[in-house]
Amino acid sequence: MPKKAAEGSNNRVLMYVKSILIPVVVGSLVGRIMSSFIDYEVLKSPFLAPPRMTFPIVWTILYLLMWCSYAILEDKKLLDKKLNILYYVQLGVNALWSIFFFICKWRLFSFLWIILLDILVIWMAIIMYKKYKTAWLLQLPYILWIFFASYLTLAFYLLNG
């Protein structure tokens, strides 16, 4: 393999590794920090509330899909500053929701915060749709899940005060 092709291949691998590591590391850190604060089982549960073990499975899948869509856009050189910032801001807002809800026990604030996350993720998905439809399609499960999480957040607040 020519040297230039090998460098391009190495850069591509590095780009994919970086793209997957950031959401996985953020999600793992938040999960670790929060694990002893999660009071999910003691809260009055709303209709459709899944078992606690559902969440790490779903979030692992969602982070992988986020990574795939971001990596596809980066690989195709379709990322721009706005989308890059939006992607990382929504990751941060997402991580902070868990801290607000479980550690701080700010249930109403957490509902308002997740509405912000809903807006950011929809905005990000719209931009992805305009750039490359496959990247957008990979965000649909994330959008559906955060809408469901918004319902759960509000319902937990209403049921538990």
N, C-alpha and C. Protein backbone atom coordinates (compact mmCIF):
# COMPACT_ATOMS: atom_id res chain seq x y z
N MET A 1 0.85 -1.17 0.00
CA MET A 1 0.00 0.00 0.00
C MET A 1 0.89 1.23 0.00
N PRO A 2 0.63 2.16 -0.90
CA PRO A 2 1.43 3.39 -0.93
C PRO A 2 1.31 4.15 0.40
N LYS A 3 2.37 4.90 0.70
CA LYS A 3 2.44 5.61 1.98
C LYS A 3 1.25 6.56 2.17
N LYS A 4 0.87 7.30 1.14
CA LYS A 4 -0.24 8.26 1.25
C LYS A 4 -1.56 7.54 1.54
N ALA A 5 -1.79 6.40 0.91
CA ALA A 5 -3.01 5.63 1.15
C ALA A 5 -3.02 5.08 2.58
N ALA A 6 -1.86 4.64 3.07
CA ALA A 6 -1.77 4.13 4.44
C ALA A 6 -2.06 5.24 5.44
N GLU A 7 -1.53 6.44 5.20
CA GLU A 7 -1.80 7.58 6.09
C GLU A 7 -3.28 7.92 6.09
N GLY A 8 -3.91 7.91 4.93
CA GLY A 8 -5.33 8.19 4.84
C GLY A 8 -6.15 7.16 5.59
N SER A 9 -5.75 5.91 5.47
CA SER A 9 -6.43 4.83 6.18
C SER A 9 -6.27 4.98 7.69
N ASN A 10 -5.06 5.33 8.13
CA ASN A 10 -4.81 5.53 9.56
C ASN A 10 -5.62 6.71 10.09
N ASN A 11 -5.70 7.79 9.32
CA ASN A 11 -6.49 8.96 9.73
C ASN A 11 -7.97 8.60 9.84
N ARG A 12 -8.43 7.78 8.93
CA ARG A 12 -9.83 7.36 8.95
C ARG A 12 -10.13 6.52 10.18
N VAL A 13 -9.25 5.59 10.50
CA VAL A 13 -9.42 4.76 11.70
C VAL A 13 -9.40 5.65 12.95
N LEU A 14 -8.47 6.58 13.01
CA LEU A 14 -8.38 7.50 14.15
C LEU A 14 -9.66 8.33 14.27
N MET A 15 -10.20 8.78 13.15
CA MET A 15 -11.43 9.56 13.15
C MET A 15 -12.58 8.72 13.72
N TYR A 16 -12.70 7.47 13.31
CA TYR A 16 -13.77 6.61 13.83
C TYR A 16 -13.58 6.32 15.31
N VAL A 17 -12.35 6.08 15.73
CA VAL A 17 -12.08 5.82 17.16
C VAL A 17 -12.46 7.04 17.99
N LYS A 18 -12.05 8.23 17.54
CA LYS A 18 -12.38 9.47 18.25
C LYS A 18 -13.89 9.66 18.31
N SER A 19 -14.57 9.40 17.22
CA SER A 19 -16.01 9.60 17.16
C SER A 19 -16.76 8.69 18.12
N ILE A 20 -16.30 7.47 18.29
CA ILE A 20 -16.99 6.53 19.19
C ILE A 20 -16.59 6.77 20.64
N LEU A 21 -15.34 7.14 20.88
CA LEU A 21 -14.86 7.28 22.25
C LEU A 21 -15.57 8.41 23.01
N ILE A 22 -15.81 9.52 22.38
CA ILE A 22 -16.37 10.66 23.09
C ILE A 22 -17.76 10.35 23.66
N PRO A 23 -18.74 9.89 22.85
CA PRO A 23 -20.04 9.60 23.47
C PRO A 23 -19.98 8.44 24.47
N VAL A 24 -19.16 7.43 24.19
CA VAL A 24 -19.08 6.29 25.10
C VAL A 24 -18.43 6.71 26.43
N VAL A 25 -17.37 7.49 26.37
CA VAL A 25 -16.70 7.95 27.60
C VAL A 25 -17.63 8.85 28.40
N VAL A 26 -18.31 9.78 27.74
CA VAL A 26 -19.24 10.67 28.44
C VAL A 26 -20.34 9.85 29.10
N GLY A 27 -20.95 8.94 28.35
CA GLY A 27 -22.01 8.10 28.90
C GLY A 27 -21.53 7.23 30.05
N SER A 28 -20.36 6.65 29.92
CA SER A 28 -19.81 5.80 30.97
C SER A 28 -19.49 6.59 32.24
N LEU A 29 -18.90 7.77 32.08
CA LEU A 29 -18.58 8.61 33.24
C LEU A 29 -19.84 9.01 33.99
N VAL A 30 -20.83 9.46 33.26
CA VAL A 30 -22.08 9.86 33.91
C VAL A 30 -22.71 8.65 34.61
N GLY A 31 -22.71 7.51 33.94
CA GLY A 31 -23.26 6.30 34.55
C GLY A 31 -22.55 5.93 35.84
N ARG A 32 -21.24 6.02 35.83
CA ARG A 32 -20.47 5.70 37.03
C ARG A 32 -20.72 6.68 38.17
N ILE A 33 -20.73 7.96 37.82
CA ILE A 33 -20.95 9.00 38.83
C ILE A 33 -22.33 8.81 39.48
N MET A 34 -23.30 8.49 38.67
CA MET A 34 -24.67 8.44 39.15
C MET A 34 -25.09 7.12 39.78
N SER A 35 -24.40 6.06 39.54
CA SER A 35 -24.89 4.73 39.90
C SER A 35 -25.41 4.62 41.32
N SER A 36 -24.76 5.24 42.28
CA SER A 36 -25.21 5.13 43.67
C SER A 36 -26.35 6.10 43.99
N PHE A 37 -26.68 7.01 43.09
CA PHE A 37 -27.74 7.99 43.33
C PHE A 37 -29.07 7.62 42.68
N ILE A 38 -29.06 6.62 41.81
CA ILE A 38 -30.27 6.28 41.05
C ILE A 38 -31.31 5.70 41.99
N ASP A 39 -32.47 6.36 42.02
CA ASP A 39 -33.57 5.94 42.89
C ASP A 39 -34.78 5.47 42.07
N TYR A 40 -34.52 4.99 40.90
CA TYR A 40 -35.57 4.61 39.94
C TYR A 40 -36.57 3.62 40.55
N GLU A 41 -36.07 2.62 41.28
CA GLU A 41 -36.94 1.58 41.83
C GLU A 41 -37.85 2.09 42.96
N VAL A 42 -37.46 3.15 43.65
CA VAL A 42 -38.28 3.62 44.78
C VAL A 42 -39.29 4.69 44.36
N LEU A 43 -39.17 5.21 43.16
CA LEU A 43 -40.12 6.20 42.67
C LEU A 43 -41.41 5.53 42.22
N LYS A 44 -42.52 6.24 42.35
CA LYS A 44 -43.77 5.76 41.78
C LYS A 44 -43.60 5.82 40.27
N SER A 45 -43.82 4.70 39.61
CA SER A 45 -43.56 4.61 38.17
C SER A 45 -44.79 4.93 37.34
N PRO A 46 -44.59 5.67 36.28
CA PRO A 46 -45.69 5.95 35.36
C PRO A 46 -45.97 4.75 34.45
N PHE A 47 -47.11 4.81 33.81
CA PHE A 47 -47.48 3.83 32.80
C PHE A 47 -46.37 3.77 31.75
N LEU A 48 -46.00 2.62 31.32
CA LEU A 48 -44.98 2.36 30.30
C LEU A 48 -43.54 2.50 30.79
N ALA A 49 -43.33 2.73 32.08
CA ALA A 49 -41.95 2.84 32.58
C ALA A 49 -41.26 1.48 32.45
N PRO A 50 -40.15 1.44 31.73
CA PRO A 50 -39.44 0.17 31.55
C PRO A 50 -38.63 -0.20 32.80
N PRO A 51 -38.23 -1.46 32.91
CA PRO A 51 -37.36 -1.84 34.02
C PRO A 51 -36.02 -1.12 33.92
N ARG A 52 -35.39 -0.92 35.06
CA ARG A 52 -34.12 -0.17 35.11
C ARG A 52 -33.07 -0.74 34.17
N MET A 53 -33.02 -2.05 34.04
CA MET A 53 -31.98 -2.69 33.20
C MET A 53 -32.12 -2.33 31.72
N THR A 54 -33.26 -1.79 31.34
CA THR A 54 -33.48 -1.39 29.95
C THR A 54 -32.57 -0.22 29.55
N PHE A 55 -32.35 0.69 30.47
CA PHE A 55 -31.67 1.94 30.15
C PHE A 55 -30.23 1.78 29.66
N PRO A 56 -29.37 1.00 30.34
CA PRO A 56 -28.01 0.88 29.80
C PRO A 56 -27.96 0.20 28.43
N ILE A 57 -28.89 -0.70 28.19
CA ILE A 57 -28.92 -1.37 26.88
C ILE A 57 -29.32 -0.37 25.80
N VAL A 58 -30.41 0.35 26.06
CA VAL A 58 -30.89 1.33 25.08
C VAL A 58 -29.85 2.41 24.83
N TRP A 59 -29.25 2.94 25.91
CA TRP A 59 -28.28 4.01 25.72
C TRP A 59 -27.03 3.56 24.99
N THR A 60 -26.62 2.33 25.21
CA THR A 60 -25.47 1.81 24.45
C THR A 60 -25.79 1.81 22.96
N ILE A 61 -26.96 1.34 22.62
CA ILE A 61 -27.37 1.32 21.21
C ILE A 61 -27.46 2.74 20.65
N LEU A 62 -28.07 3.64 21.43
CA LEU A 62 -28.22 5.02 20.95
C LEU A 62 -26.87 5.71 20.76
N TYR A 63 -25.94 5.49 21.69
CA TYR A 63 -24.61 6.09 21.54
C TYR A 63 -23.89 5.53 20.30
N LEU A 64 -24.08 4.25 20.04
CA LEU A 64 -23.48 3.67 18.82
C LEU A 64 -24.09 4.28 17.56
N LEU A 65 -25.40 4.48 17.56
CA LEU A 65 -26.05 5.11 16.41
C LEU A 65 -25.61 6.56 16.25
N MET A 66 -25.48 7.29 17.37
CA MET A 66 -24.97 8.67 17.31
C MET A 66 -23.58 8.67 16.68
N TRP A 67 -22.76 7.75 17.15
CA TRP A 67 -21.40 7.64 16.63
C TRP A 67 -21.42 7.37 15.14
N CYS A 68 -22.24 6.42 14.72
CA CYS A 68 -22.28 6.07 13.30
C CYS A 68 -22.67 7.27 12.44
N SER A 69 -23.71 7.98 12.83
CA SER A 69 -24.14 9.11 12.00
C SER A 69 -23.09 10.21 11.98
N TYR A 70 -22.49 10.49 13.12
CA TYR A 70 -21.44 11.51 13.18
C TYR A 70 -20.23 11.09 12.35
N ALA A 71 -19.83 9.84 12.49
CA ALA A 71 -18.66 9.33 11.76
C ALA A 71 -18.91 9.33 10.25
N ILE A 72 -20.11 8.98 9.84
CA ILE A 72 -20.45 9.01 8.41
C ILE A 72 -20.28 10.42 7.86
N LEU A 73 -20.83 11.39 8.60
CA LEU A 73 -20.72 12.78 8.14
C LEU A 73 -19.28 13.25 8.12
N GLU A 74 -18.52 12.86 9.13
CA GLU A 74 -17.11 13.25 9.17
C GLU A 74 -16.34 12.59 8.02
N ASP A 75 -16.62 11.32 7.78
CA ASP A 75 -15.94 10.59 6.71
C ASP A 75 -16.25 11.20 5.34
N LYS A 76 -17.46 11.66 5.16
CA LYS A 76 -17.87 12.25 3.88
C LYS A 76 -17.55 13.75 3.81
N LYS A 77 -16.86 14.24 4.84
CA LYS A 77 -16.46 15.65 4.90
C LYS A 77 -17.68 16.58 4.86
N LEU A 78 -18.75 16.17 5.56
CA LEU A 78 -19.99 16.95 5.59
C LEU A 78 -20.21 17.67 6.93
N LEU A 79 -19.28 17.51 7.85
CA LEU A 79 -19.40 18.21 9.12
C LEU A 79 -18.99 19.66 8.95
N ASP A 80 -19.68 20.52 9.64
CA ASP A 80 -19.27 21.92 9.69
C ASP A 80 -19.23 22.33 11.16
N LYS A 81 -18.78 23.54 11.40
CA LYS A 81 -18.61 24.01 12.78
C LYS A 81 -19.93 23.98 13.55
N LYS A 82 -21.01 24.42 12.92
CA LYS A 82 -22.32 24.48 13.57
C LYS A 82 -22.78 23.09 14.01
N LEU A 83 -22.70 22.12 13.11
CA LEU A 83 -23.13 20.77 13.44
C LEU A 83 -22.21 20.14 14.49
N ASN A 84 -20.94 20.39 14.37
CA ASN A 84 -19.97 19.87 15.33
C ASN A 84 -20.29 20.39 16.74
N ILE A 85 -20.51 21.69 16.87
CA ILE A 85 -20.85 22.28 18.16
C ILE A 85 -22.17 21.72 18.68
N LEU A 86 -23.16 21.66 17.82
CA LEU A 86 -24.47 21.16 18.21
C LEU A 86 -24.40 19.71 18.70
N TYR A 87 -23.62 18.89 18.03
CA TYR A 87 -23.46 17.49 18.42
C TYR A 87 -22.89 17.39 19.84
N TYR A 88 -21.84 18.15 20.12
CA TYR A 88 -21.21 18.05 21.44
C TYR A 88 -22.03 18.75 22.53
N VAL A 89 -22.73 19.81 22.18
CA VAL A 89 -23.60 20.48 23.16
C VAL A 89 -24.74 19.54 23.56
N GLN A 90 -25.37 18.88 22.60
CA GLN A 90 -26.46 17.97 22.95
C GLN A 90 -25.94 16.79 23.78
N LEU A 91 -24.72 16.34 23.52
CA LEU A 91 -24.14 15.29 24.37
C LEU A 91 -23.99 15.78 25.81
N GLY A 92 -23.53 17.02 25.97
CA GLY A 92 -23.37 17.60 27.30
C GLY A 92 -24.70 17.80 28.00
N VAL A 93 -25.69 18.32 27.28
CA VAL A 93 -27.02 18.51 27.85
C VAL A 93 -27.60 17.15 28.26
N ASN A 94 -27.39 16.16 27.44
CA ASN A 94 -27.86 14.81 27.73
C ASN A 94 -27.22 14.30 29.03
N ALA A 95 -25.93 14.45 29.15
CA ALA A 95 -25.22 13.97 30.35
C ALA A 95 -25.69 14.70 31.60
N LEU A 96 -25.92 16.00 31.48
CA LEU A 96 -26.34 16.78 32.65
C LEU A 96 -27.75 16.42 33.11
N TRP A 97 -28.61 15.97 32.20
CA TRP A 97 -29.97 15.59 32.61
C TRP A 97 -29.91 14.54 33.71
N SER A 98 -29.10 13.53 33.54
CA SER A 98 -29.01 12.45 34.52
C SER A 98 -28.57 12.97 35.88
N ILE A 99 -27.65 13.89 35.87
CA ILE A 99 -27.16 14.48 37.14
C ILE A 99 -28.29 15.27 37.80
N PHE A 100 -29.00 16.09 37.02
CA PHE A 100 -30.09 16.88 37.58
C PHE A 100 -31.21 15.98 38.12
N PHE A 101 -31.56 14.94 37.38
CA PHE A 101 -32.68 14.10 37.77
C PHE A 101 -32.35 13.18 38.94
N PHE A 102 -31.20 12.52 38.88
CA PHE A 102 -30.90 11.51 39.89
C PHE A 102 -30.08 12.02 41.07
N ILE A 103 -29.10 12.85 40.83
CA ILE A 103 -28.25 13.32 41.93
C ILE A 103 -28.91 14.51 42.64
N CYS A 104 -29.31 15.50 41.86
CA CYS A 104 -29.90 16.71 42.46
C CYS A 104 -31.38 16.52 42.83
N LYS A 105 -32.03 15.54 42.20
CA LYS A 105 -33.46 15.26 42.42
C LYS A 105 -34.33 16.45 41.97
N TRP A 106 -33.87 17.20 40.99
CA TRP A 106 -34.60 18.34 40.45
C TRP A 106 -35.52 17.83 39.34
N ARG A 107 -36.62 17.23 39.71
CA ARG A 107 -37.49 16.55 38.73
C ARG A 107 -38.14 17.54 37.74
N LEU A 108 -38.71 18.63 38.23
CA LEU A 108 -39.34 19.58 37.31
C LEU A 108 -38.28 20.24 36.43
N PHE A 109 -37.18 20.65 37.02
CA PHE A 109 -36.09 21.24 36.24
C PHE A 109 -35.60 20.24 35.19
N SER A 110 -35.53 18.97 35.56
CA SER A 110 -35.09 17.93 34.63
C SER A 110 -36.03 17.82 33.44
N PHE A 111 -37.33 18.01 33.69
CA PHE A 111 -38.28 17.99 32.58
C PHE A 111 -38.02 19.17 31.64
N LEU A 112 -37.82 20.34 32.21
CA LEU A 112 -37.52 21.52 31.36
C LEU A 112 -36.20 21.33 30.62
N TRP A 113 -35.24 20.70 31.28
CA TRP A 113 -33.93 20.45 30.68
C TRP A 113 -34.04 19.47 29.52
N ILE A 114 -34.88 18.45 29.68
CA ILE A 114 -35.00 17.45 28.61
C ILE A 114 -35.74 18.05 27.41
N ILE A 115 -36.58 19.05 27.64
CA ILE A 115 -37.20 19.76 26.51
C ILE A 115 -36.11 20.46 25.71
N LEU A 116 -35.14 21.05 26.40
CA LEU A 116 -33.99 21.64 25.71
C LEU A 116 -33.26 20.57 24.90
N LEU A 117 -33.05 19.41 25.49
CA LEU A 117 -32.40 18.31 24.77
C LEU A 117 -33.21 17.91 23.54
N ASP A 118 -34.53 17.80 23.69
CA ASP A 118 -35.40 17.47 22.55
C ASP A 118 -35.15 18.45 21.40
N ILE A 119 -35.14 19.73 21.74
CA ILE A 119 -34.95 20.78 20.71
C ILE A 119 -33.58 20.64 20.05
N LEU A 120 -32.55 20.45 20.85
CA LEU A 120 -31.19 20.32 20.30
C LEU A 120 -31.06 19.11 19.38
N VAL A 121 -31.62 17.99 19.80
CA VAL A 121 -31.50 16.76 19.00
C VAL A 121 -32.31 16.89 17.71
N ILE A 122 -33.48 17.48 17.78
CA ILE A 122 -34.26 17.68 16.55
C ILE A 122 -33.53 18.62 15.60
N TRP A 123 -32.98 19.69 16.14
CA TRP A 123 -32.20 20.64 15.33
C TRP A 123 -31.03 19.93 14.67
N MET A 124 -30.31 19.12 15.47
CA MET A 124 -29.17 18.37 14.94
C MET A 124 -29.63 17.41 13.83
N ALA A 125 -30.74 16.73 14.06
CA ALA A 125 -31.25 15.77 13.07
C ALA A 125 -31.67 16.46 11.78
N ILE A 126 -32.26 17.64 11.88
CA ILE A 126 -32.66 18.39 10.68
C ILE A 126 -31.42 18.75 9.86
N ILE A 127 -30.38 19.19 10.52
CA ILE A 127 -29.14 19.52 9.81
C ILE A 127 -28.56 18.27 9.16
N MET A 128 -28.59 17.15 9.89
CA MET A 128 -28.09 15.90 9.32
C MET A 128 -28.92 15.48 8.12
N TYR A 129 -30.23 15.66 8.20
CA TYR A 129 -31.12 15.31 7.10
C TYR A 129 -30.73 16.06 5.83
N LYS A 130 -30.41 17.33 5.99
CA LYS A 130 -30.04 18.16 4.84
C LYS A 130 -28.69 17.76 4.26
N LYS A 131 -27.83 17.20 5.10
CA LYS A 131 -26.49 16.85 4.64
C LYS A 131 -26.40 15.43 4.07
N TYR A 132 -27.04 14.47 4.78
CA TYR A 132 -26.92 13.07 4.35
C TYR A 132 -28.00 12.27 5.06
N LYS A 133 -28.96 11.78 4.33
CA LYS A 133 -30.17 11.17 4.90
C LYS A 133 -29.87 9.95 5.79
N THR A 134 -28.86 9.20 5.48
CA THR A 134 -28.53 8.02 6.30
C THR A 134 -28.15 8.45 7.72
N ALA A 135 -27.40 9.53 7.83
CA ALA A 135 -27.01 10.04 9.16
C ALA A 135 -28.26 10.44 9.94
N TRP A 136 -29.22 11.03 9.26
CA TRP A 136 -30.47 11.42 9.89
C TRP A 136 -31.27 10.19 10.34
N LEU A 137 -31.36 9.20 9.49
CA LEU A 137 -32.11 7.98 9.83
C LEU A 137 -31.56 7.31 11.09
N LEU A 138 -30.24 7.36 11.24
CA LEU A 138 -29.62 6.76 12.42
C LEU A 138 -29.96 7.53 13.70
N GLN A 139 -30.44 8.76 13.57
CA GLN A 139 -30.84 9.56 14.73
C GLN A 139 -32.30 9.34 15.14
N LEU A 140 -33.09 8.72 14.30
CA LEU A 140 -34.51 8.53 14.62
C LEU A 140 -34.75 7.76 15.92
N PRO A 141 -34.04 6.67 16.19
CA PRO A 141 -34.25 6.01 17.49
C PRO A 141 -33.93 6.92 18.67
N TYR A 142 -32.91 7.75 18.54
CA TYR A 142 -32.55 8.71 19.59
C TYR A 142 -33.68 9.70 19.82
N ILE A 143 -34.23 10.23 18.73
CA ILE A 143 -35.34 11.18 18.84
C ILE A 143 -36.53 10.52 19.53
N LEU A 144 -36.88 9.33 19.09
CA LEU A 144 -38.01 8.63 19.71
C LEU A 144 -37.76 8.36 21.19
N TRP A 145 -36.54 7.97 21.52
CA TRP A 145 -36.23 7.66 22.92
C TRP A 145 -36.27 8.91 23.79
N ILE A 146 -35.75 10.02 23.31
CA ILE A 146 -35.77 11.21 24.17
C ILE A 146 -37.19 11.76 24.31
N PHE A 147 -38.04 11.56 23.31
CA PHE A 147 -39.45 11.93 23.50
C PHE A 147 -40.08 11.05 24.58
N PHE A 148 -39.77 9.77 24.53
CA PHE A 148 -40.26 8.84 25.55
C PHE A 148 -39.68 9.23 26.92
N ALA A 149 -38.40 9.56 26.95
CA ALA A 149 -37.76 9.98 28.20
C ALA A 149 -38.38 11.28 28.73
N SER A 150 -38.81 12.15 27.82
CA SER A 150 -39.48 13.39 28.23
C SER A 150 -40.81 13.05 28.92
N TYR A 151 -41.55 12.14 28.32
CA TYR A 151 -42.79 11.68 28.95
C TYR A 151 -42.50 11.10 30.34
N LEU A 152 -41.51 10.23 30.43
CA LEU A 152 -41.17 9.61 31.72
C LEU A 152 -40.76 10.66 32.75
N THR A 153 -39.96 11.62 32.32
CA THR A 153 -39.50 12.66 33.25
C THR A 153 -40.68 13.45 33.82
N LEU A 154 -41.57 13.86 32.95
CA LEU A 154 -42.75 14.60 33.42
C LEU A 154 -43.61 13.72 34.33
N ALA A 155 -43.84 12.49 33.91
CA ALA A 155 -44.67 11.58 34.70
C ALA A 155 -44.05 11.29 36.07
N PHE A 156 -42.75 11.07 36.12
CA PHE A 156 -42.09 10.86 37.43
C PHE A 156 -42.24 12.10 38.31
N TYR A 157 -42.10 13.27 37.72
CA TYR A 157 -42.29 14.50 38.49
C TYR A 157 -43.71 14.57 39.05
N LEU A 158 -44.70 14.35 38.19
CA LEU A 158 -46.10 14.46 38.62
C LEU A 158 -46.47 13.42 39.66
N LEU A 159 -45.93 12.22 39.55
CA LEU A 159 -46.26 11.15 40.49
C LEU A 159 -45.49 11.24 41.81
N ASN A 160 -44.31 11.87 41.77
CA ASN A 160 -43.44 11.85 42.95
C ASN A 160 -43.18 13.23 43.54
N GLY A 161 -43.72 14.25 42.94
CA GLY A 161 -43.59 15.60 43.48
C GLY A 161 -42.28 16.23 43.44
